[in-house]
Amino acid sequence: MALFRCLAVSLGLAVGALASAVVVPPPNILMIVVDDMNDWIGALGGHPQAKTPHLDRLAERGLLFANAHVPAPVCNPSRVAVLTGLNPSTTGIYDNSVRWHEAYPDLISLPQYFKDHGYQVVGGGKVHHHTPGNNRESDWNRYFPQVFDSHAQKHLWTTGSWRGFAWPEGFPLNQIPAVQQLTRPPANPREFDWGSFDREDLEMGDGHMVAWLEDFLATPGEDPFFAVAGIYMPHLPWYAPQRYFDLYDRDTLLAPPILAKDLDDIPAIGQQMAAVRREDLDLVHAEGQYQDVLHAYLACISYADALVGRLLDAIDGNDLASNTIIVFWSDHGWHFGEKNHLHKFTLWERSTRIPMMIVAPGHTRAGSVTSAPVGAIDLFPTLVELAGLPEHGPLDGQSLVPLLAATDRPWPRPALTTHGAGNHTLRSRHWRYIRYVDGGEELYDHRTDPNEWHNLALNPAYRGVIDLLAEHLPARDAPRKTAQRVQSLDSR
């Protein structure tokens, strides 16, 4: 018996040593980023009529961040921040004019960091703001060795030829009857368009990109991959196949709650932000087109949702789900008349709150939700930690890995959003605080005022709340970068 126990112990030790020698393969990563999608998805309840079964399916597979916010309410600074891990107040990139890799040629992006650590990196569509067709080939190839341009509808390789940027069919303004009826053009006619197409899903620009990525996921090779799908919808122009318009009854669509005199207690800079492109909102109301743009936006959300569903099916159908991290986020939200505003470009909830989800096998629980205030800025350090890579930094975000399993844990740092130097908002679990560069302030209690209609900053009784939140404002604001201005971040 003693000999048997001895042999058993020896065998157990040998098996344990063998098990410890087994190398766990690095996780694959599929990142899906959409453009201008606010919280109008079923899982978040942002719009009660939104039909997003596939995004809801994704939320059911992992962790839904119900209080997630963007670094900036504008495409370029938001994407630069997420993909470099650095806030606009650090880089000085506050608008769409600056190509970050020209301003900071030595800065390492999230895809490049994974490429440098042995990952095969592929991407398509709108990932960085300055898409392949708008960039020099040498610029783009630095970050994605294999790229698909969803507008040019062509595979692009590091040694391949380049094709000029081409807008989708039906573009620009007034190529669709619903827009031809307008009696005067809007201020941004290059984008201000909407309508249905008699096309199948994969015949649209975003569909071409997704089909390409489906092909990649069918035979990804042996190395771990970092794949990025940049879905352009629901960015203007709001084009989608007819079937997604058919999902909705235009005449019964509900407008978001709007307060007529909502701007009366807003500081001057906030009112200026709300007035940006005010003529577009006035136009759609004057021409009786509000229901049409609402209809088109929801149709485009449902179209983007269907494309996400195809990618989820590709992950599942190719037996990749058990070792693939899936990340979904939007670069910012969108107003539909709230604060008398159409578009983004503000520091209120409608511009900053986004759908964001992570499915990380072995880390997230199916169907989990957290109300912790987080930012898309946190994705860089989170993915690095989940992949087991060395820390990269310094970064402005913080890893969300502790939240993945303990969704109700304390999370004291509020989410930061910046729009222009010195204009910031902080979102905690219950509060939104805004401070403008001239000292103007706003404070909203989301427990009693989810629409942000009543500015409590004018009440001295809330000064203590403001002071606590203000501790999380950036210590300094980098000067605004201009196009092709090369600088170093070493002194930050």
Protein backbone atom coordinates (compact mmCIF):
# COMPACT_ATOMS: atom_id res chain seq x y z
CA MET A 1 0.00 0.00 0.00
CA ALA A 2 2.83 2.38 0.86
CA LEU A 3 4.50 1.60 -2.46
CA PHE A 4 1.21 2.27 -4.26
CA ARG A 5 0.84 5.63 -2.52
CA CYS A 6 4.41 6.50 -3.44
CA LEU A 7 3.84 5.61 -7.08
CA ALA A 8 0.59 7.54 -7.09
CA VAL A 9 2.26 10.63 -5.67
CA SER A 10 5.08 10.37 -8.18
CA LEU A 11 2.64 9.94 -11.04
CA GLY A 12 0.61 12.91 -9.82
CA LEU A 13 3.68 15.12 -9.68
CA ALA A 14 4.65 14.04 -13.19
CA VAL A 15 1.19 14.78 -14.55
CA GLY A 16 1.17 18.13 -12.76
CA ALA A 17 4.54 19.05 -14.23
CA LEU A 18 3.33 18.04 -17.67
CA ALA A 19 0.16 20.10 -17.27
CA SER A 20 2.11 23.13 -16.14
CA ALA A 21 4.25 22.85 -19.25
CA VAL A 22 1.23 23.13 -21.54
CA VAL A 23 1.31 26.52 -23.23
CA VAL A 24 -2.03 28.33 -23.40
CA PRO A 25 -2.31 29.98 -26.83
CA PRO A 26 -2.66 33.77 -26.84
CA PRO A 27 -6.23 34.94 -27.36
CA ASN A 28 -7.42 36.25 -30.67
CA ILE A 29 -9.09 39.66 -30.68
CA LEU A 30 -11.97 40.88 -32.83
CA MET A 31 -12.61 44.58 -32.34
CA ILE A 32 -15.75 46.05 -33.91
CA VAL A 33 -16.09 49.83 -33.96
CA VAL A 34 -19.14 51.63 -35.34
CA ASP A 35 -19.52 55.29 -36.16
CA ASP A 36 -21.97 57.76 -34.53
CA MET A 37 -24.02 55.06 -32.77
CA ASN A 38 -25.59 56.36 -29.59
CA ASP A 39 -27.19 54.16 -26.93
CA TRP A 40 -30.18 53.25 -29.11
CA ILE A 41 -29.77 49.49 -28.86
CA GLY A 42 -32.11 47.04 -27.19
CA ALA A 43 -29.68 46.03 -24.46
CA LEU A 44 -29.33 49.64 -23.28
CA GLY A 45 -32.93 50.72 -23.84
CA GLY A 46 -31.85 54.03 -25.36
CA HIS A 47 -34.73 53.92 -27.86
CA PRO A 48 -37.68 51.64 -27.10
CA GLN A 49 -38.24 50.75 -30.76
CA ALA A 50 -34.65 50.02 -31.79
CA LYS A 51 -34.23 46.56 -33.29
CA THR A 52 -30.74 45.24 -32.59
CA PRO A 53 -31.00 41.48 -32.00
CA HIS A 54 -27.35 40.77 -32.74
CA LEU A 55 -25.93 43.46 -30.50
CA ASP A 56 -28.29 42.20 -27.82
CA ARG A 57 -26.94 38.70 -28.49
CA LEU A 58 -23.40 40.00 -28.07
CA ALA A 59 -24.36 41.63 -24.77
CA GLU A 60 -25.77 38.31 -23.58
CA ARG A 61 -22.41 36.62 -24.24
CA GLY A 62 -20.30 38.86 -22.04
CA LEU A 63 -20.17 42.16 -20.18
CA LEU A 64 -22.25 45.19 -21.17
CA PHE A 65 -20.91 48.53 -19.95
CA ALA A 66 -24.13 50.45 -19.27
CA ASN A 67 -22.28 53.63 -18.32
CA ALA A 68 -19.57 53.83 -21.00
CA HIS A 69 -18.42 57.11 -22.51
CA VAL A 70 -16.09 58.40 -25.19
CA PRO A 71 -12.89 60.46 -24.86
CA ALA A 72 -14.29 63.06 -27.27
CA PRO A 73 -17.63 63.65 -29.06
CA VAL A 74 -15.91 63.93 -32.46
CA CYS A 75 -14.68 61.10 -34.70
CA ASN A 76 -10.95 61.78 -35.02
CA PRO A 77 -10.05 62.78 -31.45
CA SER A 78 -12.17 59.95 -30.07
CA ARG A 79 -10.55 57.30 -32.28
CA VAL A 80 -7.06 58.70 -31.76
CA ALA A 81 -7.57 58.54 -28.01
CA VAL A 82 -8.88 54.97 -27.98
CA LEU A 83 -6.29 53.64 -30.40
CA THR A 84 -3.34 55.35 -28.69
CA GLY A 85 -4.61 55.22 -25.10
CA LEU A 86 -4.05 58.98 -24.72
CA ASN A 87 -6.75 61.58 -24.06
CA PRO A 88 -7.14 64.72 -26.18
CA SER A 89 -5.90 66.77 -23.21
CA THR A 90 -2.62 64.81 -23.49
CA THR A 91 -2.12 64.90 -27.26
CA GLY A 92 -3.81 68.18 -28.14
CA ILE A 93 -5.80 66.43 -30.88
CA TYR A 94 -9.24 67.93 -30.40
CA ASP A 95 -10.70 67.91 -33.92
CA ASN A 96 -10.75 66.08 -37.24
CA SER A 97 -7.98 68.04 -38.94
CA VAL A 98 -4.93 66.26 -37.50
CA ARG A 99 -3.57 62.91 -38.64
CA TRP A 100 -2.16 61.65 -35.37
CA HIS A 101 0.63 59.63 -36.99
CA GLU A 102 1.92 62.79 -38.63
CA ALA A 103 1.68 64.81 -35.42
CA TYR A 104 3.32 62.03 -33.37
CA PRO A 105 5.23 59.71 -35.71
CA ASP A 106 6.78 57.71 -32.85
CA LEU A 107 3.54 57.02 -31.02
CA ILE A 108 2.54 53.34 -30.85
CA SER A 109 -1.09 52.51 -31.66
CA LEU A 110 -3.06 49.60 -30.24
CA PRO A 111 -2.93 47.55 -33.48
CA GLN A 112 0.75 48.29 -33.90
CA TYR A 113 1.49 47.23 -30.31
CA PHE A 114 -0.12 43.85 -30.93
CA LYS A 115 1.69 43.52 -34.25
CA ASP A 116 4.99 44.20 -32.49
CA HIS A 117 4.18 41.34 -30.09
CA GLY A 118 3.62 38.67 -32.69
CA TYR A 119 -0.01 39.17 -33.68
CA GLN A 120 -1.17 39.22 -37.26
CA VAL A 121 -3.11 42.47 -37.54
CA VAL A 122 -5.81 43.05 -40.13
CA GLY A 123 -8.39 45.76 -40.41
CA GLY A 124 -10.95 47.25 -42.70
CA GLY A 125 -13.44 50.09 -43.02
CA LYS A 126 -13.30 53.14 -40.80
CA VAL A 127 -10.97 52.35 -37.93
CA HIS A 128 -8.80 55.44 -37.70
CA HIS A 129 -10.69 58.55 -38.72
CA HIS A 130 -8.52 59.14 -41.76
CA THR A 131 -9.51 56.05 -43.70
CA PRO A 132 -7.26 54.33 -46.25
CA GLY A 133 -8.75 56.09 -49.24
CA ASN A 134 -8.07 59.47 -47.62
CA ASN A 135 -4.52 58.61 -46.60
CA ARG A 136 -1.24 57.89 -48.30
CA GLU A 137 -0.70 54.15 -48.67
CA SER A 138 2.55 54.30 -46.71
CA ASP A 139 0.75 55.89 -43.75
CA TRP A 140 -1.93 53.22 -43.51
CA ASN A 141 0.35 50.25 -44.04
CA ARG A 142 2.32 51.21 -40.99
CA TYR A 143 -0.61 50.26 -38.80
CA PHE A 144 -2.39 47.53 -40.75
CA PRO A 145 -0.28 45.17 -42.85
CA GLN A 146 -3.46 43.90 -44.50
CA VAL A 147 -6.26 46.39 -45.07
CA PHE A 148 -9.63 46.45 -46.77
CA ASP A 149 -11.02 49.80 -47.89
CA SER A 150 -14.81 49.46 -47.68
CA HIS A 151 -15.38 52.48 -49.91
CA ALA A 152 -12.90 51.63 -52.65
CA GLN A 153 -14.12 48.02 -52.29
CA LYS A 154 -10.68 46.57 -52.85
CA HIS A 155 -8.13 44.48 -50.97
CA LEU A 156 -5.08 46.53 -50.05
CA TRP A 157 -1.79 44.89 -49.25
CA THR A 158 1.53 46.31 -48.10
CA THR A 159 2.99 45.74 -51.55
CA GLY A 160 -0.21 46.33 -53.49
CA SER A 161 -1.43 49.22 -55.56
CA TRP A 162 -3.69 51.98 -54.27
CA ARG A 163 -7.02 53.04 -55.66
CA GLY A 164 -8.56 56.46 -55.12
CA PHE A 165 -11.35 57.04 -52.66
CA ALA A 166 -14.86 56.59 -54.09
CA TRP A 167 -18.11 57.61 -52.42
CA PRO A 168 -20.95 55.07 -52.37
CA GLU A 169 -23.48 55.03 -55.18
CA GLY A 170 -26.21 57.61 -54.71
CA PHE A 171 -23.84 60.09 -53.08
CA PRO A 172 -23.78 63.08 -52.59
CA LEU A 173 -26.80 65.25 -51.75
CA ASN A 174 -30.07 65.05 -53.68
CA GLN A 175 -29.46 61.70 -55.34
CA ILE A 176 -32.34 60.27 -53.28
CA PRO A 177 -35.91 61.53 -53.75
CA ALA A 178 -36.48 62.19 -50.05
CA VAL A 179 -33.65 64.72 -50.10
CA GLN A 180 -34.53 66.18 -53.50
CA GLN A 181 -37.65 67.60 -51.89
CA LEU A 182 -35.63 69.96 -49.69
CA THR A 183 -35.96 73.57 -50.82
CA ARG A 184 -32.54 74.73 -49.63
CA PRO A 185 -29.29 72.83 -49.12
CA PRO A 186 -27.89 72.26 -45.63
CA ALA A 187 -24.51 73.55 -44.50
CA ASN A 188 -22.84 70.15 -44.98
CA PRO A 189 -24.29 68.79 -48.25
CA ARG A 190 -21.42 66.32 -48.64
CA GLU A 191 -22.88 64.23 -45.82
CA PHE A 192 -26.47 65.29 -45.26
CA ASP A 193 -28.28 62.52 -47.08
CA TRP A 194 -30.37 59.46 -46.25
CA GLY A 195 -32.47 56.80 -47.87
CA SER A 196 -32.87 53.16 -48.76
CA PHE A 197 -31.03 51.16 -51.40
CA ASP A 198 -32.31 48.24 -53.42
CA ARG A 199 -29.23 46.25 -52.47
CA GLU A 200 -28.34 43.23 -50.40
CA ASP A 201 -26.32 43.60 -47.19
CA LEU A 202 -23.00 42.58 -48.72
CA GLU A 203 -23.42 44.90 -51.72
CA MET A 204 -23.04 48.00 -49.54
CA GLY A 205 -19.59 49.36 -48.65
CA ASP A 206 -19.74 48.09 -45.08
CA GLY A 207 -21.00 44.77 -46.39
CA HIS A 208 -17.98 44.36 -48.66
CA MET A 209 -15.67 44.92 -45.70
CA VAL A 210 -17.52 42.41 -43.53
CA ALA A 211 -17.50 39.80 -46.30
CA TRP A 212 -13.74 40.25 -46.61
CA LEU A 213 -13.30 39.78 -42.88
CA GLU A 214 -15.56 36.71 -42.94
CA ASP A 215 -13.14 35.21 -45.47
CA PHE A 216 -10.22 35.99 -43.19
CA LEU A 217 -11.91 34.42 -40.16
CA ALA A 218 -12.51 31.23 -42.15
CA THR A 219 -8.74 30.67 -42.53
CA PRO A 220 -6.95 32.95 -40.06
CA GLY A 221 -3.73 30.95 -39.91
CA GLU A 222 -1.79 29.71 -36.90
CA ASP A 223 -0.67 33.02 -35.38
CA PRO A 224 -3.09 34.85 -33.06
CA PHE A 225 -4.93 37.66 -34.80
CA PHE A 226 -6.03 41.17 -33.95
CA ALA A 227 -8.79 41.94 -36.43
CA VAL A 228 -10.61 45.28 -36.56
CA ALA A 229 -13.91 45.82 -38.35
CA GLY A 230 -14.64 49.53 -38.82
CA ILE A 231 -18.35 49.72 -39.68
CA TYR A 232 -19.19 53.16 -41.08
CA MET A 233 -22.89 53.02 -40.25
CA PRO A 234 -24.79 54.74 -38.71
CA HIS A 235 -22.69 57.74 -39.79
CA LEU A 236 -24.21 60.10 -42.34
CA PRO A 237 -25.15 59.63 -45.13
CA TRP A 238 -27.74 57.23 -43.71
CA TYR A 239 -27.89 54.60 -46.45
CA ALA A 240 -29.09 51.06 -45.81
CA PRO A 241 -30.78 48.27 -47.75
CA GLN A 242 -34.55 48.67 -47.96
CA ARG A 243 -35.24 45.73 -45.64
CA TYR A 244 -33.90 47.68 -42.66
CA PHE A 245 -36.21 50.59 -43.37
CA ASP A 246 -39.03 48.06 -43.54
CA LEU A 247 -38.33 47.04 -39.94
CA TYR A 248 -39.82 50.33 -38.75
CA ASP A 249 -43.08 52.19 -39.21
CA ARG A 250 -41.89 55.71 -39.97
CA ASP A 251 -45.08 57.39 -38.76
CA THR A 252 -45.10 55.76 -35.31
CA LEU A 253 -41.43 56.22 -34.43
CA LEU A 254 -40.98 57.96 -31.09
CA ALA A 255 -38.85 61.07 -30.80
CA PRO A 256 -36.56 61.31 -27.78
CA PRO A 257 -37.78 63.38 -24.81
CA ILE A 258 -37.12 67.06 -25.49
CA LEU A 259 -37.55 70.09 -23.24
CA ALA A 260 -38.44 73.24 -25.17
CA LYS A 261 -36.38 75.65 -23.03
CA ASP A 262 -33.63 73.22 -22.14
CA LEU A 263 -30.85 75.70 -22.90
CA ASP A 264 -32.05 78.43 -20.55
CA ASP A 265 -29.74 77.36 -17.69
CA ILE A 266 -26.74 76.44 -19.88
CA PRO A 267 -23.49 78.49 -19.89
CA ALA A 268 -22.50 80.38 -23.02
CA ILE A 269 -20.01 77.83 -24.36
CA GLY A 270 -22.53 75.03 -23.92
CA GLN A 271 -25.07 77.06 -25.88
CA GLN A 272 -22.49 77.58 -28.61
CA MET A 273 -21.89 73.83 -28.82
CA ALA A 274 -25.62 73.21 -29.08
CA ALA A 275 -25.87 75.75 -31.91
CA VAL A 276 -23.34 73.96 -34.12
CA ARG A 277 -25.15 72.92 -37.32
CA ARG A 278 -28.41 74.23 -35.89
CA GLU A 279 -29.44 74.99 -39.46
CA ASP A 280 -29.63 71.24 -40.16
CA LEU A 281 -32.12 70.70 -37.36
CA ASP A 282 -34.13 73.71 -38.46
CA LEU A 283 -34.09 72.36 -42.01
CA VAL A 284 -35.44 68.91 -41.25
CA HIS A 285 -38.22 70.40 -39.14
CA ALA A 286 -39.10 73.08 -41.70
CA GLU A 287 -39.24 70.50 -44.49
CA GLY A 288 -41.15 67.92 -42.47
CA GLN A 289 -38.21 65.51 -42.67
CA TYR A 290 -37.61 64.81 -38.97
CA GLN A 291 -39.38 61.45 -39.04
CA ASP A 292 -37.40 60.53 -42.14
CA VAL A 293 -34.01 61.16 -40.56
CA LEU A 294 -35.12 59.34 -37.41
CA HIS A 295 -36.27 56.44 -39.58
CA ALA A 296 -33.02 56.36 -41.57
CA TYR A 297 -30.82 56.48 -38.46
CA LEU A 298 -32.63 53.55 -36.85
CA ALA A 299 -32.51 51.62 -40.13
CA CYS A 300 -28.75 52.15 -40.31
CA ILE A 301 -28.34 51.00 -36.71
CA SER A 302 -30.24 47.81 -37.58
CA TYR A 303 -28.08 47.34 -40.69
CA ALA A 304 -24.90 47.72 -38.64
CA ASP A 305 -26.41 45.28 -36.15
CA ALA A 306 -26.92 42.69 -38.90
CA LEU A 307 -23.28 43.03 -39.96
CA VAL A 308 -22.20 42.47 -36.38
CA GLY A 309 -24.34 39.34 -36.44
CA ARG A 310 -22.45 38.06 -39.48
CA LEU A 311 -19.14 38.53 -37.68
CA LEU A 312 -20.43 36.70 -34.60
CA ASP A 313 -21.58 33.86 -36.82
CA ALA A 314 -18.14 33.75 -38.45
CA ILE A 315 -16.48 33.48 -35.03
CA ASP A 316 -18.83 30.69 -33.98
CA GLY A 317 -18.86 28.87 -37.31
CA ASN A 318 -15.07 28.67 -37.43
CA ASP A 319 -14.68 27.40 -33.84
CA LEU A 320 -12.95 30.59 -32.70
CA ALA A 321 -15.29 31.59 -29.87
CA SER A 322 -13.47 29.79 -27.05
CA ASN A 323 -10.27 31.75 -27.60
CA THR A 324 -11.40 35.05 -29.15
CA ILE A 325 -11.97 38.27 -27.24
CA ILE A 326 -14.72 40.34 -28.86
CA VAL A 327 -14.83 44.08 -28.21
CA PHE A 328 -17.55 46.42 -29.47
CA TRP A 329 -17.62 50.21 -29.15
CA SER A 330 -18.82 53.37 -30.88
CA ASP A 331 -16.76 56.52 -31.32
CA HIS A 332 -19.52 58.78 -29.89
CA GLY A 333 -23.25 59.34 -29.75
CA TRP A 334 -25.69 61.53 -31.63
CA HIS A 335 -28.40 64.09 -30.79
CA PHE A 336 -31.86 64.13 -32.37
CA GLY A 337 -33.10 67.44 -31.04
CA GLU A 338 -32.11 67.10 -27.39
CA LYS A 339 -30.67 70.42 -26.24
CA ASN A 340 -32.03 71.82 -29.54
CA HIS A 341 -29.20 70.05 -31.36
CA LEU A 342 -28.73 67.62 -34.23
CA HIS A 343 -25.35 65.86 -34.57
CA LYS A 344 -22.63 65.27 -31.96
CA PHE A 345 -20.10 67.92 -30.76
CA THR A 346 -21.43 68.38 -27.20
CA LEU A 347 -20.55 67.31 -23.66
CA TRP A 348 -23.98 65.94 -22.71
CA GLU A 349 -25.10 62.34 -22.28
CA ARG A 350 -26.47 62.01 -25.79
CA SER A 351 -23.05 62.71 -27.33
CA THR A 352 -20.88 60.86 -24.81
CA ARG A 353 -22.72 57.65 -23.93
CA ILE A 354 -22.05 54.68 -26.19
CA PRO A 355 -22.74 50.97 -26.40
CA MET A 356 -19.58 49.15 -25.30
CA MET A 357 -19.18 45.43 -24.65
CA ILE A 358 -16.43 42.91 -23.99
CA VAL A 359 -16.66 39.15 -24.37
CA ALA A 360 -13.50 37.60 -22.91
CA PRO A 361 -13.54 33.81 -22.47
CA GLY A 362 -12.47 32.90 -18.97
CA HIS A 363 -12.94 36.46 -17.71
CA THR A 364 -16.47 37.70 -18.44
CA ARG A 365 -19.75 36.16 -17.36
CA ALA A 366 -22.56 35.75 -19.86
CA GLY A 367 -25.23 38.40 -19.57
CA SER A 368 -23.36 40.54 -17.04
CA VAL A 369 -23.84 44.30 -16.80
CA THR A 370 -21.95 47.02 -14.94
CA SER A 371 -22.95 50.60 -14.21
CA ALA A 372 -19.38 51.59 -13.34
CA PRO A 373 -18.37 54.78 -15.19
CA VAL A 374 -15.83 53.67 -17.78
CA GLY A 375 -14.38 55.07 -20.95
CA ALA A 376 -13.43 53.68 -24.33
CA ILE A 377 -10.01 55.14 -23.43
CA ASP A 378 -9.69 52.11 -21.11
CA LEU A 379 -9.72 49.55 -23.93
CA PHE A 380 -5.99 49.76 -24.75
CA PRO A 381 -4.71 48.70 -21.29
CA THR A 382 -7.59 46.23 -20.92
CA LEU A 383 -6.77 44.32 -24.09
CA VAL A 384 -3.07 44.35 -23.34
CA GLU A 385 -3.71 42.77 -19.94
CA LEU A 386 -6.20 40.23 -21.28
CA ALA A 387 -3.68 39.14 -23.91
CA GLY A 388 -0.94 38.77 -21.29
CA LEU A 389 1.31 41.28 -23.02
CA PRO A 390 3.75 43.58 -21.20
CA GLU A 391 2.24 46.81 -19.96
CA HIS A 392 2.53 49.69 -22.39
CA GLY A 393 2.58 53.22 -21.23
CA PRO A 394 2.14 55.63 -19.80
CA LEU A 395 -1.50 55.49 -20.86
CA ASP A 396 -4.41 57.64 -19.71
CA GLY A 397 -6.88 54.77 -19.42
CA GLN A 398 -7.05 52.08 -16.79
CA SER A 399 -7.51 48.36 -17.28
CA LEU A 400 -11.09 47.17 -16.92
CA VAL A 401 -10.04 43.59 -16.15
CA PRO A 402 -10.96 43.91 -12.43
CA LEU A 403 -14.53 44.80 -13.50
CA LEU A 404 -14.96 41.84 -15.83
CA ALA A 405 -15.58 39.36 -13.03
CA ALA A 406 -16.64 41.72 -10.22
CA THR A 407 -19.03 44.05 -12.03
CA ASP A 408 -20.26 45.77 -8.87
CA ARG A 409 -16.86 46.56 -7.40
CA PRO A 410 -16.15 50.19 -6.42
CA TRP A 411 -15.00 52.26 -9.38
CA PRO A 412 -14.33 55.76 -8.09
CA ARG A 413 -12.80 57.38 -11.17
CA PRO A 414 -15.44 59.02 -13.41
CA ALA A 415 -15.33 58.81 -17.19
CA LEU A 416 -13.79 61.84 -18.89
CA THR A 417 -14.91 63.40 -22.18
CA THR A 418 -13.21 66.43 -23.73
CA HIS A 419 -14.39 68.73 -26.52
CA GLY A 420 -11.80 71.38 -27.26
CA ALA A 421 -9.01 72.49 -24.95
CA GLY A 422 -10.30 73.14 -21.45
CA ASN A 423 -13.85 71.87 -22.03
CA HIS A 424 -14.47 68.66 -20.08
CA THR A 425 -17.24 66.55 -18.66
CA LEU A 426 -16.99 63.88 -15.97
CA ARG A 427 -19.59 61.12 -15.67
CA SER A 428 -19.79 59.11 -12.43
CA ARG A 429 -22.40 56.50 -11.52
CA HIS A 430 -24.94 59.18 -10.66
CA TRP A 431 -23.59 62.57 -11.73
CA ARG A 432 -22.53 64.47 -14.80
CA TYR A 433 -20.31 67.49 -14.22
CA ILE A 434 -19.25 69.85 -17.02
CA ARG A 435 -16.67 72.59 -16.78
CA TYR A 436 -15.95 74.85 -19.74
CA VAL A 437 -12.72 76.65 -20.42
CA ASP A 438 -14.20 79.96 -19.23
CA GLY A 439 -15.28 78.47 -15.89
CA GLY A 440 -18.92 77.84 -16.81
CA GLU A 441 -20.36 74.76 -15.10
CA GLU A 442 -23.19 72.24 -15.32
CA LEU A 443 -24.19 69.47 -12.91
CA TYR A 444 -26.89 66.84 -13.37
CA ASP A 445 -28.14 64.11 -11.05
CA HIS A 446 -29.01 61.13 -13.24
CA ARG A 447 -31.01 59.48 -10.49
CA THR A 448 -33.67 62.18 -10.77
CA ASP A 449 -32.83 63.87 -14.08
CA PRO A 450 -31.74 61.32 -16.72
CA ASN A 451 -32.44 63.80 -19.54
CA GLU A 452 -30.13 66.44 -18.02
CA TRP A 453 -32.78 69.13 -18.01
CA HIS A 454 -31.95 70.86 -14.71
CA ASN A 455 -28.50 72.36 -14.17
CA LEU A 456 -27.74 72.02 -10.45
CA ALA A 457 -24.42 73.82 -10.69
CA LEU A 458 -26.32 77.07 -10.11
CA ASN A 459 -27.31 75.82 -6.64
CA PRO A 460 -24.58 76.38 -3.99
CA ALA A 461 -25.85 73.35 -2.07
CA TYR A 462 -24.14 71.12 -4.64
CA ARG A 463 -20.70 72.74 -4.41
CA GLY A 464 -19.36 69.78 -2.43
CA VAL A 465 -20.37 67.34 -5.18
CA ILE A 466 -18.75 69.56 -7.79
CA ASP A 467 -15.51 69.85 -5.83
CA LEU A 468 -15.21 66.08 -5.48
CA LEU A 469 -15.80 65.49 -9.18
CA ALA A 470 -13.51 68.34 -10.23
CA GLU A 471 -10.56 66.53 -8.63
CA HIS A 472 -10.62 64.22 -11.66
CA LEU A 473 -10.27 66.95 -14.28
CA PRO A 474 -7.01 66.86 -16.29
CA ALA A 475 -4.12 68.56 -14.56
CA ARG A 476 -3.26 70.34 -17.80
CA ASP A 477 -4.66 70.77 -21.28
CA ALA A 478 -2.27 70.30 -24.17
CA PRO A 479 -2.36 73.12 -26.73
CA ARG A 480 -4.42 72.36 -29.81
CA LYS A 481 -2.46 70.51 -32.46
CA THR A 482 -2.70 71.63 -36.04
CA ALA A 483 -2.26 69.47 -39.11
CA GLN A 484 1.24 68.09 -39.72
CA ARG A 485 2.72 69.62 -36.60
CA VAL A 486 5.27 67.11 -35.32
CA GLN A 487 6.00 67.09 -31.59
CA SER A 488 7.13 64.78 -28.82
CA LEU A 489 5.12 63.59 -25.84
CA ASP A 490 8.22 63.09 -23.69
CA SER A 491 7.60 66.28 -21.68
CA ARG A 492 3.98 65.58 -20.84
